[in-house]
N, C-alpha and C. Protein backbone atom coordinates (compact mmCIF):
# COMPACT_ATOMS: atom_id res chain seq x y z
N MET A 1 95.10 115.09 90.44
CA MET A 1 93.35 115.16 90.57
C MET A 1 92.89 114.58 90.11
N GLY A 2 92.98 114.09 89.64
CA GLY A 2 92.31 112.79 88.49
C GLY A 2 92.02 111.50 89.12
N LEU A 3 93.66 111.71 90.03
CA LEU A 3 93.25 109.78 90.58
C LEU A 3 92.86 110.37 91.92
N ARG A 4 92.21 111.42 92.48
CA ARG A 4 91.35 111.54 93.53
C ARG A 4 90.29 112.10 93.00
N ALA A 5 90.09 113.30 92.88
CA ALA A 5 88.77 113.81 92.65
C ALA A 5 87.87 112.86 91.54
N LEU A 6 88.35 112.57 90.33
CA LEU A 6 87.59 112.08 89.45
C LEU A 6 87.87 110.59 89.41
N HIS A 7 88.54 110.31 90.06
CA HIS A 7 88.47 108.65 89.85
C HIS A 7 89.65 107.97 91.23
N GLN A 8 88.39 107.19 91.97
CA GLN A 8 89.11 107.22 93.57
C GLN A 8 90.03 105.95 93.12
N GLN A 9 91.80 106.43 92.90
CA GLN A 9 92.57 105.27 92.76
C GLN A 9 92.54 104.41 93.50
N LYS A 10 92.54 103.05 93.72
CA LYS A 10 92.70 102.20 94.73
C LYS A 10 93.89 101.20 94.85
N PRO A 11 94.58 100.76 95.05
CA PRO A 11 95.45 99.75 95.20
C PRO A 11 95.05 98.35 94.42
N SER A 12 96.27 98.30 94.15
CA SER A 12 95.83 96.74 93.20
C SER A 12 94.57 97.13 91.79
N LYS A 13 94.30 98.16 91.60
CA LYS A 13 93.68 98.40 90.12
C LYS A 13 94.70 98.45 88.85
N THR A 14 94.73 98.43 88.07
CA THR A 14 95.24 99.00 86.65
C THR A 14 95.06 99.72 86.23
N VAL A 15 95.88 100.86 86.09
CA VAL A 15 95.47 102.05 85.09
C VAL A 15 95.93 102.41 83.65
N LEU A 16 95.92 103.06 82.95
CA LEU A 16 96.46 103.67 81.92
C LEU A 16 96.29 105.05 81.43
N VAL A 17 98.03 105.07 81.31
CA VAL A 17 98.04 106.61 81.74
C VAL A 17 98.66 106.85 79.86
N GLN A 18 96.98 107.56 78.99
CA GLN A 18 98.27 108.04 77.72
C GLN A 18 99.16 109.19 77.83
N GLY A 19 100.10 109.17 77.66
CA GLY A 19 100.88 110.24 77.68
C GLY A 19 102.07 110.34 78.80
N ALA A 20 102.39 108.93 79.39
CA ALA A 20 103.07 108.75 80.32
C ALA A 20 104.92 109.51 80.16
N SER A 21 105.09 109.94 79.11
CA SER A 21 106.52 110.56 79.01
C SER A 21 106.26 112.19 78.85
N GLY A 22 105.46 112.60 79.10
CA GLY A 22 105.31 114.42 79.04
C GLY A 22 105.20 114.73 80.67
N GLY A 23 105.30 116.00 81.02
CA GLY A 23 104.97 116.20 82.65
C GLY A 23 103.41 115.70 83.42
N VAL A 24 102.80 115.99 82.33
CA VAL A 24 101.03 115.25 83.64
C VAL A 24 101.48 113.81 83.47
N GLY A 25 101.65 113.17 82.28
CA GLY A 25 101.65 111.79 81.91
C GLY A 25 102.44 111.38 83.28
N ALA A 26 103.42 111.25 83.49
CA ALA A 26 104.93 111.31 84.26
C ALA A 26 104.27 111.40 85.91
N ILE A 27 103.66 112.95 86.10
CA ILE A 27 103.37 112.45 87.53
C ILE A 27 101.96 111.99 87.96
N LEU A 28 101.06 111.70 86.31
CA LEU A 28 99.81 110.97 87.05
C LEU A 28 100.26 109.59 87.34
N SER A 29 101.74 108.94 86.51
CA SER A 29 101.99 107.50 86.17
C SER A 29 102.88 107.02 88.19
N ARG A 30 103.36 108.42 88.64
CA ARG A 30 104.37 108.02 89.47
C ARG A 30 103.39 107.97 90.43
N TRP A 31 102.26 108.77 90.81
CA TRP A 31 101.66 109.04 92.05
C TRP A 31 100.54 108.00 91.43
N ALA A 32 100.06 107.65 91.02
CA ALA A 32 98.87 106.38 90.75
C ALA A 32 99.97 104.85 91.24
N LYS A 33 101.44 105.17 90.96
CA LYS A 33 102.00 103.78 91.54
C LYS A 33 102.17 104.15 92.74
N GLY A 34 102.79 105.21 93.56
CA GLY A 34 102.62 105.43 94.80
C GLY A 34 101.49 105.01 95.98
N LEU A 35 100.42 105.27 95.01
CA LEU A 35 99.31 104.87 95.38
C LEU A 35 98.36 103.45 95.46
N GLY A 36 99.82 102.38 95.06
CA GLY A 36 99.93 100.67 94.43
C GLY A 36 99.10 100.61 93.52
N ALA A 37 98.59 101.84 92.52
CA ALA A 37 98.38 100.58 91.13
C ALA A 37 99.37 100.15 90.44
N THR A 38 98.90 99.24 89.35
CA THR A 38 99.52 98.81 88.42
C THR A 38 99.36 99.87 87.24
N VAL A 39 100.27 100.63 86.84
CA VAL A 39 100.07 101.78 85.85
C VAL A 39 100.79 100.80 84.79
N ILE A 40 100.15 101.28 83.64
CA ILE A 40 100.78 100.71 82.41
C ILE A 40 100.98 102.55 81.79
N GLY A 41 101.65 102.60 81.51
CA GLY A 41 102.15 104.02 81.00
C GLY A 41 102.06 103.92 79.02
N VAL A 42 101.93 104.49 78.67
CA VAL A 42 101.85 104.87 77.01
C VAL A 42 102.73 105.97 76.33
N THR A 43 103.44 105.90 75.43
CA THR A 43 103.69 106.84 74.98
C THR A 43 103.75 107.36 73.61
N GLY A 44 103.99 108.28 72.53
CA GLY A 44 103.42 108.09 71.45
C GLY A 44 104.79 108.14 70.62
N SER A 45 106.12 107.96 70.93
CA SER A 45 107.19 107.97 70.26
C SER A 45 107.70 106.75 70.82
N LEU A 46 108.70 105.94 69.99
CA LEU A 46 109.42 104.84 70.76
C LEU A 46 110.89 105.71 71.06
N ALA A 47 110.95 106.51 71.03
CA ALA A 47 111.78 106.80 71.81
C ALA A 47 112.24 107.35 73.08
N LYS A 48 111.09 107.72 73.36
CA LYS A 48 110.56 107.80 74.71
C LYS A 48 110.21 106.73 76.18
N VAL A 49 109.64 106.02 75.21
CA VAL A 49 109.54 104.08 76.23
C VAL A 49 110.37 104.28 77.58
N ALA A 50 111.51 104.31 77.25
CA ALA A 50 112.51 104.36 78.30
C ALA A 50 112.57 105.44 79.46
N LYS A 51 111.81 106.71 79.28
CA LYS A 51 111.42 107.46 80.06
C LYS A 51 109.96 107.15 81.09
N VAL A 52 109.35 106.14 80.69
CA VAL A 52 108.29 105.70 81.26
C VAL A 52 108.32 105.33 82.44
N SER A 53 107.85 105.65 83.73
CA SER A 53 108.37 105.07 85.14
C SER A 53 107.13 103.24 85.24
N ALA A 54 106.67 102.59 84.46
CA ALA A 54 105.72 101.95 84.61
C ALA A 54 105.79 100.86 83.42
N HIS A 55 104.74 100.44 83.34
CA HIS A 55 104.68 99.21 81.96
C HIS A 55 104.83 100.04 80.78
N ALA A 56 105.79 99.99 80.36
CA ALA A 56 105.66 101.22 79.45
C ALA A 56 105.38 100.57 77.85
N LEU A 57 104.71 101.28 76.82
CA LEU A 57 104.04 100.60 75.67
C LEU A 57 103.92 101.53 74.97
N TRP A 58 104.63 101.49 73.95
CA TRP A 58 104.36 102.27 72.43
C TRP A 58 102.80 102.79 71.84
N SER A 59 101.83 103.55 71.56
CA SER A 59 101.18 103.62 70.87
C SER A 59 101.13 103.10 69.41
N GLY A 60 102.18 103.15 69.03
CA GLY A 60 102.51 102.95 67.77
C GLY A 60 102.36 101.60 67.41
N ASP A 61 102.76 100.79 68.14
CA ASP A 61 103.32 99.34 68.51
C ASP A 61 102.31 98.66 67.26
N PRO A 62 102.56 97.53 66.58
CA PRO A 62 101.49 96.82 66.21
C PRO A 62 100.88 95.97 66.87
N GLU A 63 101.23 95.17 67.90
CA GLU A 63 101.47 94.35 69.11
C GLU A 63 100.26 94.87 69.98
N PHE A 64 100.11 96.15 70.31
CA PHE A 64 100.06 97.21 71.06
C PHE A 64 98.65 96.40 72.28
N PRO A 65 97.52 95.81 71.22
CA PRO A 65 96.49 95.62 72.09
C PRO A 65 96.81 93.63 72.85
N GLU A 66 97.87 93.07 72.24
CA GLU A 66 98.43 92.00 72.62
C GLU A 66 98.77 92.03 74.20
N LYS A 67 99.95 92.92 74.08
CA LYS A 67 100.84 93.63 74.81
C LYS A 67 99.70 94.08 76.57
N LEU A 68 98.65 95.07 75.86
CA LEU A 68 98.02 95.43 76.84
C LEU A 68 97.84 94.62 77.44
N GLN A 69 96.85 93.45 77.00
CA GLN A 69 95.88 92.36 77.33
C GLN A 69 96.81 91.25 78.15
N SER A 70 98.31 91.40 78.32
CA SER A 70 99.30 90.58 78.90
C SER A 70 99.19 90.94 80.34
N ILE A 71 99.73 92.56 80.81
CA ILE A 71 98.86 93.40 81.86
C ILE A 71 97.96 92.84 82.29
N ALA A 72 96.95 93.88 81.20
CA ALA A 72 95.48 93.65 81.90
C ALA A 72 94.69 93.08 81.51
N PRO A 73 94.26 91.80 81.40
CA PRO A 73 93.63 90.70 81.03
C PRO A 73 91.79 91.48 81.08
N GLY A 74 91.33 91.80 79.99
CA GLY A 74 90.07 92.51 79.96
C GLY A 74 89.90 93.61 80.34
N GLY A 75 91.10 94.31 80.05
CA GLY A 75 91.35 95.41 79.60
C GLY A 75 91.60 96.55 81.60
N VAL A 76 91.70 97.80 81.64
CA VAL A 76 92.42 98.58 82.59
C VAL A 76 91.07 98.88 83.15
N GLU A 77 90.86 99.44 84.53
CA GLU A 77 89.99 100.05 85.46
C GLU A 77 89.71 100.97 85.33
N GLY A 78 90.97 102.07 84.91
CA GLY A 78 90.65 103.45 84.89
C GLY A 78 91.84 103.75 83.41
N ALA A 79 91.44 104.59 83.14
CA ALA A 79 92.39 105.69 81.86
C ALA A 79 92.40 107.07 82.01
N TYR A 80 93.56 107.16 82.14
CA TYR A 80 93.72 109.01 81.61
C TYR A 80 94.55 109.38 80.35
N ASP A 81 93.85 110.22 79.81
CA ASP A 81 94.19 110.31 78.60
C ASP A 81 94.37 111.80 78.23
N VAL A 82 96.03 112.19 78.41
CA VAL A 82 96.14 113.82 78.17
C VAL A 82 96.43 114.22 77.00
N VAL A 83 96.24 113.34 76.01
CA VAL A 83 96.65 113.59 74.59
C VAL A 83 95.16 113.82 73.79
N GLY A 84 94.25 113.55 74.06
CA GLY A 84 93.04 113.93 73.27
C GLY A 84 92.92 112.81 71.63
N ARG A 85 92.22 113.52 70.92
CA ARG A 85 91.75 113.28 69.66
C ARG A 85 92.79 111.95 69.18
N ALA A 86 93.75 112.62 69.37
CA ALA A 86 94.63 110.91 68.55
C ALA A 86 95.31 110.05 69.41
N THR A 87 94.81 109.82 70.05
CA THR A 87 94.76 108.76 71.03
C THR A 87 93.72 108.21 71.73
N PHE A 88 92.22 108.59 71.27
CA PHE A 88 91.54 108.93 72.30
C PHE A 88 90.93 107.17 72.19
N ALA A 89 90.81 106.86 70.73
CA ALA A 89 90.12 105.48 70.07
C ALA A 89 90.96 104.88 70.93
N GLN A 90 91.56 104.83 71.00
CA GLN A 90 92.52 103.62 71.65
C GLN A 90 92.71 103.45 72.94
N VAL A 91 92.62 104.67 73.50
CA VAL A 91 92.13 104.90 74.77
C VAL A 91 90.77 103.82 75.63
N THR A 92 90.16 104.57 74.60
CA THR A 92 88.54 103.88 74.89
C THR A 92 88.79 102.39 74.90
N SER A 93 89.45 102.10 73.89
CA SER A 93 89.18 100.18 73.21
C SER A 93 90.16 99.74 74.67
N SER A 94 90.90 100.46 75.43
CA SER A 94 91.71 99.82 76.90
C SER A 94 91.00 99.39 77.89
N VAL A 95 89.73 100.44 78.24
CA VAL A 95 89.11 100.11 79.62
C VAL A 95 88.03 99.07 79.38
N ARG A 96 87.93 98.43 80.63
CA ARG A 96 87.26 97.15 80.44
C ARG A 96 85.83 97.88 81.24
N GLY A 97 84.24 96.74 81.22
CA GLY A 97 83.24 97.21 80.93
C GLY A 97 83.54 97.72 82.13
N GLY A 98 82.66 98.60 82.94
CA GLY A 98 82.36 99.06 83.88
C GLY A 98 83.62 100.37 84.56
N GLY A 99 84.86 100.33 83.47
CA GLY A 99 85.82 101.25 83.64
C GLY A 99 85.33 102.36 84.05
N LEU A 100 86.61 103.41 84.38
CA LEU A 100 86.29 104.95 83.83
C LEU A 100 87.30 105.48 83.47
N LEU A 101 86.72 106.20 82.08
CA LEU A 101 88.23 107.16 81.44
C LEU A 101 88.16 108.24 81.47
N VAL A 102 89.38 109.44 81.90
CA VAL A 102 89.47 110.58 82.39
C VAL A 102 90.17 111.18 81.48
N THR A 103 89.63 112.29 80.62
CA THR A 103 90.47 113.20 79.40
C THR A 103 90.55 114.24 80.02
N ILE A 104 92.05 114.68 80.24
CA ILE A 104 92.54 115.50 80.76
C ILE A 104 93.68 116.45 79.77
N GLY A 105 92.87 117.31 79.48
CA GLY A 105 93.81 118.05 78.02
C GLY A 105 93.49 117.76 76.97
N GLY A 106 94.06 118.12 76.10
CA GLY A 106 94.05 117.88 74.56
C GLY A 106 94.95 118.06 73.64
N ALA A 107 95.96 117.69 73.99
CA ALA A 107 96.99 118.27 73.27
C ALA A 107 96.93 117.98 71.57
N SER A 108 96.20 116.70 71.24
CA SER A 108 95.56 116.93 69.88
C SER A 108 94.27 116.92 69.43
N ALA A 109 93.90 117.90 70.05
CA ALA A 109 92.31 118.46 70.38
C ALA A 109 91.96 117.65 70.98
N SER A 110 90.38 117.99 71.70
CA SER A 110 89.24 117.83 72.54
C SER A 110 89.00 116.54 71.46
N PRO A 111 88.83 115.48 72.29
CA PRO A 111 88.00 114.24 71.37
C PRO A 111 86.55 114.19 71.17
N ARG A 112 86.65 113.52 70.09
CA ARG A 112 84.68 113.45 69.53
C ARG A 112 83.98 112.27 70.82
N LEU A 113 83.86 113.03 71.78
CA LEU A 113 83.38 111.66 72.75
C LEU A 113 82.11 110.96 72.38
N ALA A 114 80.94 111.36 71.47
CA ALA A 114 80.40 110.44 71.16
C ALA A 114 80.24 109.63 69.69
N ARG A 115 81.39 109.80 69.76
CA ARG A 115 81.66 108.44 68.26
C ARG A 115 82.32 107.81 68.73
N THR A 116 83.14 107.96 69.49
CA THR A 116 84.59 107.04 70.06
C THR A 116 83.99 106.59 71.45
N CYS A 117 83.41 106.69 72.24
CA CYS A 117 83.68 106.08 73.85
C CYS A 117 83.53 104.51 73.59
N ASN A 118 82.83 103.45 72.91
CA ASN A 118 82.86 102.61 72.50
C ASN A 118 82.02 101.76 73.63
N GLY A 119 80.59 102.71 73.82
CA GLY A 119 80.22 101.75 75.31
C GLY A 119 80.97 102.25 76.86
N VAL A 120 82.01 102.98 77.04
CA VAL A 120 82.49 103.18 78.42
C VAL A 120 81.75 104.37 78.87
N ALA A 121 81.74 103.87 80.30
CA ALA A 121 81.10 104.87 81.12
C ALA A 121 81.68 105.69 81.63
N SER A 122 80.89 107.58 81.08
CA SER A 122 81.99 108.26 81.16
C SER A 122 80.67 109.17 82.43
N ARG A 123 81.86 110.06 83.60
CA ARG A 123 81.14 110.43 84.26
C ARG A 123 81.92 111.62 84.27
N CYS A 124 81.16 113.46 84.71
CA CYS A 124 82.29 114.32 84.88
C CYS A 124 81.96 114.73 86.34
N SER A 125 83.01 115.09 87.08
CA SER A 125 83.00 115.47 88.47
C SER A 125 84.29 117.16 88.47
N ALA A 126 83.91 117.99 89.37
CA ALA A 126 84.62 118.91 89.77
C ALA A 126 85.78 118.78 90.19
N VAL A 127 87.00 118.84 90.10
CA VAL A 127 88.23 118.74 90.53
C VAL A 127 88.55 119.49 91.60
N GLY A 128 88.34 118.72 93.13
CA GLY A 128 88.80 119.52 93.85
C GLY A 128 89.25 119.26 94.92
N GLY A 129 89.81 119.39 96.24
CA GLY A 129 90.09 118.57 97.52
C GLY A 129 91.11 117.89 97.58
N ALA A 130 91.78 117.47 95.79
CA ALA A 130 93.28 116.83 95.74
C ALA A 130 94.30 117.25 96.18
N SER A 131 94.21 118.31 96.15
CA SER A 131 95.47 119.23 96.64
C SER A 131 96.31 119.20 97.06
N ALA A 132 95.77 119.21 98.47
CA ALA A 132 97.09 118.48 99.62
C ALA A 132 97.52 117.36 99.76
N GLU A 133 96.83 116.67 98.80
CA GLU A 133 97.16 115.05 98.94
C GLU A 133 98.17 115.17 97.37
N LEU A 134 98.06 115.78 96.70
CA LEU A 134 99.04 116.19 95.56
C LEU A 134 100.76 116.93 95.93
N PHE A 135 100.11 117.29 97.10
CA PHE A 135 101.12 118.31 97.83
C PHE A 135 102.35 117.69 98.69
N GLU A 136 101.43 117.05 99.90
CA GLU A 136 101.78 116.27 100.16
C GLU A 136 102.93 114.80 99.58
N ALA A 137 102.50 114.66 98.37
CA ALA A 137 103.14 113.24 97.34
C ALA A 137 104.73 113.92 96.82
N VAL A 138 104.17 115.05 96.37
CA VAL A 138 105.72 116.19 96.28
C VAL A 138 106.32 115.74 97.56
N ARG A 139 106.07 116.37 98.99
CA ARG A 139 107.18 116.51 99.80
C ARG A 139 107.34 114.66 99.80
N ALA A 140 106.85 113.83 100.17
CA ALA A 140 107.55 112.50 100.01
C ALA A 140 108.35 112.27 99.04
N CYS A 141 108.25 113.05 98.11
CA CYS A 141 109.48 112.48 97.07
C CYS A 141 108.86 111.23 95.78
N VAL A 142 107.63 111.52 95.74
CA VAL A 142 107.03 110.37 94.81
C VAL A 142 107.17 111.12 93.71
N PHE A 143 107.61 112.21 92.71
CA PHE A 143 108.22 112.41 91.84
C PHE A 143 109.50 112.87 91.96
N ALA A 144 110.70 112.40 92.33
CA ALA A 144 112.16 112.99 92.81
C ALA A 144 112.74 112.38 91.87
N ASP A 145 112.71 111.37 90.46
CA ASP A 145 113.21 110.99 89.58
C ASP A 145 112.55 111.93 88.05
N LEU A 146 111.66 112.55 88.20
CA LEU A 146 111.61 113.64 87.11
C LEU A 146 112.51 114.80 86.84
N GLU A 147 113.19 114.89 85.60
CA GLU A 147 113.74 115.62 84.98
C GLU A 147 113.19 116.61 84.51
N LEU A 148 113.69 117.95 85.67
CA LEU A 148 112.75 119.18 85.77
C LEU A 148 113.96 120.48 84.93
N VAL A 149 113.39 120.96 84.08
CA VAL A 149 114.15 122.29 84.03
C VAL A 149 113.50 123.40 84.35
N ARG A 150 113.69 124.37 84.89
CA ARG A 150 113.55 125.73 85.30
C ARG A 150 114.35 126.32 84.25
N TYR A 151 112.91 127.85 83.67
CA TYR A 151 113.76 128.76 83.35
C TYR A 151 113.27 130.05 83.84
N PRO A 152 114.04 131.45 84.06
CA PRO A 152 114.00 132.67 84.57
C PRO A 152 112.72 132.82 83.48
N LEU A 153 111.36 133.60 84.18
CA LEU A 153 110.44 133.93 82.77
C LEU A 153 110.43 134.85 81.54
N ALA A 154 111.98 135.72 82.00
CA ALA A 154 112.11 136.16 80.92
C ALA A 154 112.88 134.91 79.17
N ARG A 155 113.47 134.27 79.87
CA ARG A 155 114.00 133.25 78.79
C ARG A 155 112.96 132.41 79.21
N MET A 156 111.28 132.10 79.36
CA MET A 156 110.22 131.22 79.45
C MET A 156 110.14 130.52 77.91
N TRP A 157 110.61 130.85 76.94
CA TRP A 157 110.34 130.83 75.12
C TRP A 157 111.55 129.16 75.25
N ARG A 158 112.10 129.39 75.99
CA ARG A 158 113.01 128.23 75.66
C ARG A 158 112.54 126.63 76.03
N GLY A 159 111.76 126.41 77.04
CA GLY A 159 111.17 125.60 77.57
C GLY A 159 110.15 125.29 76.78
N CYS A 160 109.93 126.14 75.58
CA CYS A 160 108.94 125.56 74.54
C CYS A 160 109.71 125.09 73.36
N THR A 161 110.76 125.67 73.24
CA THR A 161 111.62 124.91 71.95
C THR A 161 112.32 124.32 72.27
N ARG A 162 112.95 123.94 73.91
CA ARG A 162 113.19 122.69 74.05
C ARG A 162 113.12 121.39 73.81
N THR A 163 112.00 121.28 73.64
CA THR A 163 111.23 119.89 73.70
C THR A 163 110.76 119.49 71.83
N SER A 164 111.35 120.57 71.22
CA SER A 164 111.50 120.72 69.98
C SER A 164 112.68 120.01 69.41
N LEU A 165 113.92 119.70 70.02
CA LEU A 165 115.38 119.39 69.71
C LEU A 165 115.37 118.25 69.24
N PRO A 166 116.49 117.63 68.90
CA PRO A 166 116.77 116.06 68.80
C PRO A 166 117.27 116.06 69.95
N GLY A 167 116.44 114.51 70.44
CA GLY A 167 116.42 114.28 71.39
C GLY A 167 116.07 114.42 72.58
N HIS A 168 114.71 115.38 72.70
CA HIS A 168 114.23 115.96 73.96
C HIS A 168 112.72 115.05 73.28
């Protein structure tokens, strides 16, 4: 929804997805790429960089700013942060002047907007109307390479513990 209702993603624009190796970030990355964007996927774990289907960066890399600038000189037009407070400062510093920052979720707590926005223009918008386009992308197999795991509802607890196991 963020790619359409919150930010009109256009072909040839560059976007950053913080949390690109997770479920929401992986969907955002693939959908933006399918819309023609240059996608920079950022992950908090060096081990998960290979899971990112975009220009993959590790958020802990000391050369992160230089690597980002080599892909997006001047910064990205749009950024999607699915992590929250822990990564928000890095994400806001990646957005060029006039760019848009969309925060979606807050796995590490909600960001402190007033202190960290660094002059990035922010805009709030209601999400709606993009569902049909999302499901069309599903039908078009845009997300076919995602590794999905399904559990019966009675065994759903396994999905919560699976990601904490070594190698996941």
